[in-house]
């Protein structure tokens, strides 16, 4: 990957819309005299550091799919984990019982809005995997609660718990 800023916005293109673009630097460079051993090569004048160009606004009708980088995603992950830790501390860890609902809700949002994503098939697949994982964990949580209650009822019925 290059550290240079891109020349334009990232846009959605269908496979049949992708065409090769001729490069802007396709003109032939002027020929320079090759230095001989008697003459030293000319030293280029020092250039000031190039300033990155400001991002161009997208053309009308173009939808930008992603503007950011991995540092943005890292900061977002930091935000989510910080909120999760804060919520668990403030609720004495009872917030963890609600965690299986998060992939179910986010998965439903992903399935409903998949047509607006860059890769609709991938978005739907990942959303359904998240929904399935959330339902599985919710079922395991409910099963553990039911088994705990059944164990207590069994102990009371057998008279071993007064």
Protein backbone atom coordinates (compact mmCIF):
# COMPACT_ATOMS: atom_id res chain seq x y z
CA UNK A 1 0.00 0.00 0.00
CA UNK A 2 1.15 3.50 -0.66
CA UNK A 3 1.16 6.35 1.82
CA UNK A 4 0.13 8.78 -0.93
CA UNK A 5 -3.45 10.04 -0.88
CA UNK A 6 -5.71 8.72 -3.59
CA UNK A 7 -6.52 10.87 -6.59
CA UNK A 8 -10.25 10.63 -6.14
CA UNK A 9 -13.07 9.12 -4.15
CA UNK A 10 -13.73 5.40 -3.96
CA UNK A 11 -16.92 4.61 -5.82
CA UNK A 12 -19.09 1.56 -6.41
CA UNK A 13 -18.55 -0.02 -9.80
CA UNK A 14 -20.12 -3.10 -11.25
CA UNK A 15 -17.70 -5.53 -12.98
CA UNK A 16 -18.93 -4.52 -16.44
CA UNK A 17 -18.29 -0.83 -15.66
CA UNK A 18 -14.58 -1.31 -14.93
CA UNK A 19 -12.42 -0.10 -17.83
CA UNK A 20 -8.67 0.57 -17.93
CA UNK A 21 -7.75 4.21 -17.45
CA UNK A 22 -4.76 5.60 -19.34
CA UNK A 23 -2.22 7.06 -16.98
CA UNK A 24 -1.80 10.81 -16.86
CA UNK A 25 1.99 10.48 -17.09
CA UNK A 26 1.95 8.64 -20.43
CA UNK A 27 3.90 11.40 -22.19
CA UNK A 28 7.50 10.64 -23.00
CA UNK A 29 10.04 12.33 -20.75
CA UNK A 30 12.56 14.62 -22.49
CA UNK A 31 15.90 12.99 -23.08
CA UNK A 32 18.78 14.27 -21.00
CA UNK A 33 22.42 14.06 -21.80
CA UNK A 34 24.09 11.09 -20.18
CA UNK A 35 26.87 12.16 -17.86
CA UNK A 36 30.37 11.23 -18.95
CA UNK A 37 33.17 10.40 -16.54
CA UNK A 38 34.70 13.89 -17.07
CA UNK A 39 31.52 15.79 -16.21
CA UNK A 40 29.72 15.11 -12.96
CA UNK A 41 25.96 14.60 -13.15
CA UNK A 42 23.96 17.73 -12.43
CA UNK A 43 22.65 17.95 -8.91
CA UNK A 44 18.94 18.61 -8.72
CA UNK A 45 17.78 21.67 -6.81
CA UNK A 46 16.27 20.83 -3.42
CA UNK A 47 12.50 20.56 -3.64
CA UNK A 48 10.20 21.65 -0.81
CA UNK A 49 8.15 18.76 0.59
CA UNK A 50 5.00 18.20 -1.42
CA UNK A 51 1.75 18.97 0.36
CA UNK A 52 -1.02 16.40 -0.11
CA UNK A 53 -3.87 17.67 -2.21
CA UNK A 54 -7.15 18.19 -0.36
CA UNK A 55 -9.72 15.49 -1.11
CA UNK A 56 -11.94 16.26 -4.05
CA UNK A 57 -15.69 16.27 -3.53
CA UNK A 58 -17.38 13.31 -5.21
CA UNK A 59 -19.05 13.93 -8.57
CA UNK A 60 -22.83 14.18 -8.57
CA UNK A 61 -24.50 10.79 -8.27
CA UNK A 62 -21.40 9.06 -6.88
CA UNK A 63 -21.68 7.32 -3.51
CA UNK A 64 -18.50 7.00 -1.48
CA UNK A 65 -18.32 3.54 0.07
CA UNK A 66 -15.50 4.03 2.55
CA UNK A 67 -13.46 7.00 3.63
CA UNK A 68 -10.95 6.18 6.31
CA UNK A 69 -8.14 3.83 7.10
CA UNK A 70 -7.16 1.15 9.57
CA UNK A 71 -6.47 3.76 12.24
CA UNK A 72 -10.13 4.75 12.09
CA UNK A 73 -11.17 1.13 12.53
CA UNK A 74 -8.71 0.71 15.40
CA UNK A 75 -10.13 3.78 17.11
CA UNK A 76 -13.66 2.44 16.59
CA UNK A 77 -12.67 -0.94 18.10
CA UNK A 78 -11.16 0.94 21.03
CA UNK A 79 -14.41 2.85 21.49
CA UNK A 80 -16.54 -0.31 21.42
CA UNK A 81 -14.30 -2.19 23.85
CA UNK A 82 -14.15 0.82 26.19
CA UNK A 83 -17.93 1.15 26.23
CA UNK A 84 -18.25 -2.60 26.86
CA UNK A 85 -15.81 -2.51 29.78
CA UNK A 86 -17.50 0.57 31.24
CA UNK A 87 -20.95 -1.02 30.91
CA UNK A 88 -19.74 -4.22 32.56
CA UNK A 89 -18.24 -2.28 35.48
CA UNK A 90 -21.33 -0.12 36.00
CA UNK A 91 -23.73 -3.09 35.90
CA UNK A 92 -21.60 -5.57 37.90
CA UNK A 93 -21.15 -7.74 34.76
CA UNK A 94 -24.87 -8.23 34.17
CA UNK A 95 -24.53 -6.50 30.79
CA UNK A 96 -22.88 -9.66 29.48
CA UNK A 97 -26.25 -11.42 29.52
CA UNK A 98 -27.40 -8.99 26.82
CA UNK A 99 -24.42 -9.62 24.53
CA UNK A 100 -26.11 -12.38 22.47
CA UNK A 101 -28.68 -9.77 21.41
CA UNK A 102 -26.02 -7.56 19.80
CA UNK A 103 -25.16 -9.88 16.85
CA UNK A 104 -28.84 -10.61 16.33
CA UNK A 105 -29.78 -6.92 16.09
CA UNK A 106 -26.72 -5.95 14.04
CA UNK A 107 -27.21 -8.98 11.77
CA UNK A 108 -30.82 -7.99 11.10
CA UNK A 109 -29.69 -4.47 10.24
CA UNK A 110 -27.06 -5.96 7.90
CA UNK A 111 -29.55 -8.25 6.15
CA UNK A 112 -32.07 -5.45 5.66
CA UNK A 113 -29.50 -2.96 4.34
CA UNK A 114 -27.36 -5.41 2.34
CA UNK A 115 -28.52 -3.99 -0.98
CA UNK A 116 -26.84 -0.69 -0.14
CA UNK A 117 -23.46 -2.28 0.64
CA UNK A 118 -20.49 -2.69 -1.68
CA UNK A 119 -20.73 -6.50 -1.74
CA UNK A 120 -24.34 -7.43 -0.97
CA UNK A 121 -23.72 -11.19 -0.95
CA UNK A 122 -20.85 -10.94 1.52
CA UNK A 123 -22.86 -8.60 3.74
CA UNK A 124 -25.82 -10.99 3.81
CA UNK A 125 -23.60 -14.00 4.53
CA UNK A 126 -21.76 -12.29 7.39
CA UNK A 127 -25.04 -10.98 8.79
CA UNK A 128 -26.62 -14.45 8.79
CA UNK A 129 -23.53 -15.92 10.46
CA UNK A 130 -23.77 -13.23 13.16
CA UNK A 131 -27.49 -13.89 13.64
CA UNK A 132 -26.90 -17.65 13.91
CA UNK A 133 -24.08 -17.18 16.45
CA UNK A 134 -26.21 -14.80 18.51
CA UNK A 135 -29.19 -17.17 18.50
CA UNK A 136 -26.95 -20.10 19.46
CA UNK A 137 -25.44 -18.21 22.40
CA UNK A 138 -28.87 -16.94 23.49
CA UNK A 139 -30.20 -20.51 23.40
CA UNK A 140 -27.24 -21.71 25.49
CA UNK A 141 -27.84 -18.93 28.01
CA UNK A 142 -31.56 -19.73 28.29
CA UNK A 143 -30.78 -23.46 28.57
CA UNK A 144 -28.36 -22.77 31.44
CA UNK A 145 -31.01 -20.71 33.24
CA UNK A 146 -33.67 -23.40 32.76
CA UNK A 147 -31.30 -26.15 33.98
CA UNK A 148 -30.36 -24.06 37.04
CA UNK A 149 -34.01 -23.56 37.95
CA UNK A 150 -34.76 -27.24 37.32
CA UNK A 151 -31.87 -28.24 39.60
CA UNK A 152 -33.20 -26.02 42.41
CA UNK A 153 -36.74 -27.41 41.98
CA UNK A 154 -35.36 -30.95 42.03
CA UNK A 155 -33.42 -30.25 45.24
CA UNK A 156 -36.55 -28.82 46.90
CA UNK A 157 -38.62 -31.80 45.71
CA UNK A 158 -36.12 -34.28 47.11
CA UNK A 159 -36.04 -32.41 50.40
CA UNK A 160 -32.32 -31.72 50.35
CA UNK A 161 -32.76 -27.96 50.15
CA UNK A 162 -34.60 -26.28 53.00
